[in-house]
């Protein structure tokens, strides 16, 4: 597996909220244009659709879940990125994306996601 990790100057709970808020995904996820899901915040087993920036809508399912810490999904039936938040202090956390080794092209996409995630976490009201 390939990993991309960045430090976020915000509590882990704030980063977790951004990672699980489908309304926020298009603001930090370079490959996400829109999301169609039964609830705003994802939960274990949730299914929905994600519109990629090239345009196609793809089905997703949240397959692994640890509340407040970790989630993984399948997109179009394929195991995709893991998302993990680890507190490293009261106002700081590490965010890690784990990418399947068959998808090294997705490493730069995950690196690009860290900057808007950090910006959104620094100002969670926007």
C-alpha atoms as a PDB file:
ATOM      1  CA  UNK A   1       0.000   0.000   0.000  1.00  0.00           C
ATOM      2  CA  UNK A   2       1.054   3.575  -0.675  1.00  0.00           C
ATOM      3  CA  UNK A   3       0.557   6.341   1.868  1.00  0.00           C
ATOM      4  CA  UNK A   4       0.278  10.101   1.871  1.00  0.00           C
ATOM      5  CA  UNK A   5       0.313  11.806   5.283  1.00  0.00           C
ATOM      6  CA  UNK A   6      -0.009  15.434   6.258  1.00  0.00           C
ATOM      7  CA  UNK A   7      -0.229  17.304   9.535  1.00  0.00           C
ATOM      8  CA  UNK A   8      -3.338  19.407  10.093  1.00  0.00           C
ATOM      9  CA  UNK A   9      -3.301  22.254  12.620  1.00  0.00           C
ATOM     10  CA  UNK A  10      -6.745  21.455  13.981  1.00  0.00           C
ATOM     11  CA  UNK A  11      -8.263  18.934  16.378  1.00  0.00           C
ATOM     12  CA  UNK A  12      -8.745  15.419  15.030  1.00  0.00           C
ATOM     13  CA  UNK A  13     -12.511  15.851  15.423  1.00  0.00           C
ATOM     14  CA  UNK A  14     -12.468  18.721  12.920  1.00  0.00           C
ATOM     15  CA  UNK A  15     -10.460  16.748  10.361  1.00  0.00           C
ATOM     16  CA  UNK A  16     -12.745  13.737  10.870  1.00  0.00           C
ATOM     17  CA  UNK A  17     -15.815  15.894  10.242  1.00  0.00           C
ATOM     18  CA  UNK A  18     -14.334  17.089   6.942  1.00  0.00           C
ATOM     19  CA  UNK A  19     -13.451  13.552   5.863  1.00  0.00           C
ATOM     20  CA  UNK A  20     -16.947  12.263   6.559  1.00  0.00           C
ATOM     21  CA  UNK A  21     -18.998  15.255   5.328  1.00  0.00           C
ATOM     22  CA  UNK A  22     -20.075  14.499   1.757  1.00  0.00           C
ATOM     23  CA  UNK A  23     -20.863  18.202   1.243  1.00  0.00           C
ATOM     24  CA  UNK A  24     -17.189  18.977   1.917  1.00  0.00           C
ATOM     25  CA  UNK A  25     -15.708  16.358  -0.434  1.00  0.00           C
ATOM     26  CA  UNK A  26     -15.853  18.532  -3.583  1.00  0.00           C
ATOM     27  CA  UNK A  27     -14.054  21.317  -1.674  1.00  0.00           C
ATOM     28  CA  UNK A  28     -11.024  19.232  -0.753  1.00  0.00           C
ATOM     29  CA  UNK A  29     -11.108  16.192  -3.048  1.00  0.00           C
ATOM     30  CA  UNK A  30      -9.523  16.984  -6.422  1.00  0.00           C
ATOM     31  CA  UNK A  31     -11.242  13.991  -8.049  1.00  0.00           C
ATOM     32  CA  UNK A  32     -14.746  14.686  -6.644  1.00  0.00           C
ATOM     33  CA  UNK A  33     -17.225  16.975  -8.371  1.00  0.00           C
ATOM     34  CA  UNK A  34     -20.397  16.014  -6.465  1.00  0.00           C
ATOM     35  CA  UNK A  35     -21.873  13.409  -4.126  1.00  0.00           C
ATOM     36  CA  UNK A  36     -25.297  11.809  -3.974  1.00  0.00           C
ATOM     37  CA  UNK A  37     -25.753  10.035  -0.632  1.00  0.00           C
ATOM     38  CA  UNK A  38     -28.665   9.275   1.703  1.00  0.00           C
ATOM     39  CA  UNK A  39     -27.120  11.417   4.477  1.00  0.00           C
ATOM     40  CA  UNK A  40     -24.671  14.281   4.646  1.00  0.00           C
ATOM     41  CA  UNK A  41     -22.230  12.435   6.926  1.00  0.00           C
ATOM     42  CA  UNK A  42     -21.082   8.969   5.935  1.00  0.00           C
ATOM     43  CA  UNK A  43     -21.459   5.994   8.226  1.00  0.00           C
ATOM     44  CA  UNK A  44     -20.472   2.335   8.136  1.00  0.00           C
ATOM     45  CA  UNK A  45     -22.060   0.548   5.190  1.00  0.00           C
ATOM     46  CA  UNK A  46     -23.432   3.702   3.561  1.00  0.00           C
ATOM     47  CA  UNK A  47     -23.903   3.550  -0.183  1.00  0.00           C
ATOM     48  CA  UNK A  48     -24.175   6.421  -2.612  1.00  0.00           C
ATOM     49  CA  UNK A  49     -22.743   7.870  -5.773  1.00  0.00           C
ATOM     50  CA  UNK A  50     -19.784  10.129  -6.382  1.00  0.00           C
ATOM     51  CA  UNK A  51     -19.348  12.225  -9.501  1.00  0.00           C
ATOM     52  CA  UNK A  52     -15.724  12.314 -10.589  1.00  0.00           C
ATOM     53  CA  UNK A  53     -14.148  15.439 -12.057  1.00  0.00           C
ATOM     54  CA  UNK A  54     -14.063  13.811 -15.509  1.00  0.00           C
ATOM     55  CA  UNK A  55     -17.862  13.554 -15.192  1.00  0.00           C
ATOM     56  CA  UNK A  56     -19.031   9.968 -14.635  1.00  0.00           C
ATOM     57  CA  UNK A  57     -21.084   9.062 -11.579  1.00  0.00           C
ATOM     58  CA  UNK A  58     -19.719   5.990  -9.782  1.00  0.00           C
ATOM     59  CA  UNK A  59     -21.342   4.004  -6.969  1.00  0.00           C
ATOM     60  CA  UNK A  60     -19.583   3.869  -3.620  1.00  0.00           C
ATOM     61  CA  UNK A  61     -19.896   1.904  -0.407  1.00  0.00           C
ATOM     62  CA  UNK A  62     -18.220   2.556   2.938  1.00  0.00           C
ATOM     63  CA  UNK A  63     -16.715  -0.857   3.719  1.00  0.00           C
ATOM     64  CA  UNK A  64     -14.573  -0.330   6.828  1.00  0.00           C
ATOM     65  CA  UNK A  65     -15.290   2.052   9.672  1.00  0.00           C
ATOM     66  CA  UNK A  66     -13.835   3.099  13.022  1.00  0.00           C
ATOM     67  CA  UNK A  67     -15.803   6.073  14.333  1.00  0.00           C
ATOM     68  CA  UNK A  68     -13.646   9.183  14.642  1.00  0.00           C
ATOM     69  CA  UNK A  69     -10.557   7.512  13.255  1.00  0.00           C
ATOM     70  CA  UNK A  70     -10.761   5.578  10.006  1.00  0.00           C
ATOM     71  CA  UNK A  71     -12.841   4.714   6.962  1.00  0.00           C
ATOM     72  CA  UNK A  72     -12.331   2.887   3.674  1.00  0.00           C
ATOM     73  CA  UNK A  73     -14.558   2.641   0.665  1.00  0.00           C
ATOM     74  CA  UNK A  74     -15.170   0.807  -2.572  1.00  0.00           C
ATOM     75  CA  UNK A  75     -15.804   2.905  -5.650  1.00  0.00           C
ATOM     76  CA  UNK A  76     -17.369   1.210  -8.665  1.00  0.00           C
ATOM     77  CA  UNK A  77     -16.825  -2.098  -6.859  1.00  0.00           C
ATOM     78  CA  UNK A  78     -13.072  -1.550  -6.434  1.00  0.00           C
ATOM     79  CA  UNK A  79     -11.364  -1.091  -3.064  1.00  0.00           C
ATOM     80  CA  UNK A  80     -10.238   2.534  -2.980  1.00  0.00           C
ATOM     81  CA  UNK A  81      -8.544   4.964  -0.593  1.00  0.00           C
ATOM     82  CA  UNK A  82      -8.397   4.559   3.190  1.00  0.00           C
ATOM     83  CA  UNK A  83      -8.802   7.748   5.255  1.00  0.00           C
ATOM     84  CA  UNK A  84      -7.293   7.925   8.757  1.00  0.00           C
ATOM     85  CA  UNK A  85      -7.088  10.692  11.353  1.00  0.00           C
ATOM     86  CA  UNK A  86      -4.686  10.406  14.282  1.00  0.00           C
ATOM     87  CA  UNK A  87      -4.552  13.035  17.019  1.00  0.00           C
ATOM     88  CA  UNK A  88      -1.027  14.278  17.660  1.00  0.00           C
ATOM     89  CA  UNK A  89      -2.045  16.957  20.177  1.00  0.00           C
ATOM     90  CA  UNK A  90      -5.156  18.839  21.266  1.00  0.00           C
ATOM     91  CA  UNK A  91      -5.016  21.176  18.254  1.00  0.00           C
ATOM     92  CA  UNK A  92      -3.134  18.995  15.782  1.00  0.00           C
ATOM     93  CA  UNK A  93      -3.624  15.740  13.922  1.00  0.00           C
ATOM     94  CA  UNK A  94      -2.147  13.647  11.162  1.00  0.00           C
ATOM     95  CA  UNK A  95      -4.284  12.724   8.207  1.00  0.00           C
ATOM     96  CA  UNK A  96      -3.257   9.673   6.198  1.00  0.00           C
ATOM     97  CA  UNK A  97      -4.575   8.428   2.890  1.00  0.00           C
ATOM     98  CA  UNK A  98      -3.657   4.848   2.048  1.00  0.00           C
ATOM     99  CA  UNK A  99      -3.790   4.099  -1.654  1.00  0.00           C
ATOM    100  CA  UNK A 100      -3.846   0.591  -3.151  1.00  0.00           C
ATOM    101  CA  UNK A 101      -0.511  -0.261  -4.800  1.00  0.00           C
ATOM    102  CA  UNK A 102      -2.307  -0.816  -8.109  1.00  0.00           C
ATOM    103  CA  UNK A 103      -3.203   2.918  -8.166  1.00  0.00           C
ATOM    104  CA  UNK A 104       0.078   4.876  -7.807  1.00  0.00           C
ATOM    105  CA  UNK A 105      -1.393   7.554 -10.099  1.00  0.00           C
ATOM    106  CA  UNK A 106      -3.671   8.526  -7.177  1.00  0.00           C
ATOM    107  CA  UNK A 107      -0.785   9.532  -4.867  1.00  0.00           C
ATOM    108  CA  UNK A 108      -0.536  13.092  -6.297  1.00  0.00           C
ATOM    109  CA  UNK A 109      -4.327  13.472  -6.020  1.00  0.00           C
ATOM    110  CA  UNK A 110      -4.136  12.655  -2.311  1.00  0.00           C
ATOM    111  CA  UNK A 111      -1.211  15.049  -1.853  1.00  0.00           C
ATOM    112  CA  UNK A 112      -3.274  17.785  -3.492  1.00  0.00           C
ATOM    113  CA  UNK A 113      -6.153  17.094  -1.092  1.00  0.00           C
ATOM    114  CA  UNK A 114      -4.051  17.873   1.991  1.00  0.00           C
ATOM    115  CA  UNK A 115      -3.809  21.629   1.352  1.00  0.00           C
ATOM    116  CA  UNK A 116      -7.544  22.348   1.068  1.00  0.00           C
ATOM    117  CA  UNK A 117      -8.223  19.984   3.986  1.00  0.00           C
ATOM    118  CA  UNK A 118      -5.774  21.960   6.141  1.00  0.00           C
ATOM    119  CA  UNK A 119      -7.340  25.255   5.050  1.00  0.00           C
ATOM    120  CA  UNK A 120     -10.872  24.068   5.737  1.00  0.00           C
ATOM    121  CA  UNK A 121      -9.851  22.632   9.112  1.00  0.00           C
ATOM    122  CA  UNK A 122      -8.257  25.947  10.085  1.00  0.00           C
ATOM    123  CA  UNK A 123     -11.555  27.741   9.389  1.00  0.00           C
ATOM    124  CA  UNK A 124     -14.337  25.154   9.920  1.00  0.00           C
ATOM    125  CA  UNK A 125     -17.178  27.701   9.667  1.00  0.00           C
ATOM    126  CA  UNK A 126     -16.734  28.111   5.903  1.00  0.00           C
END
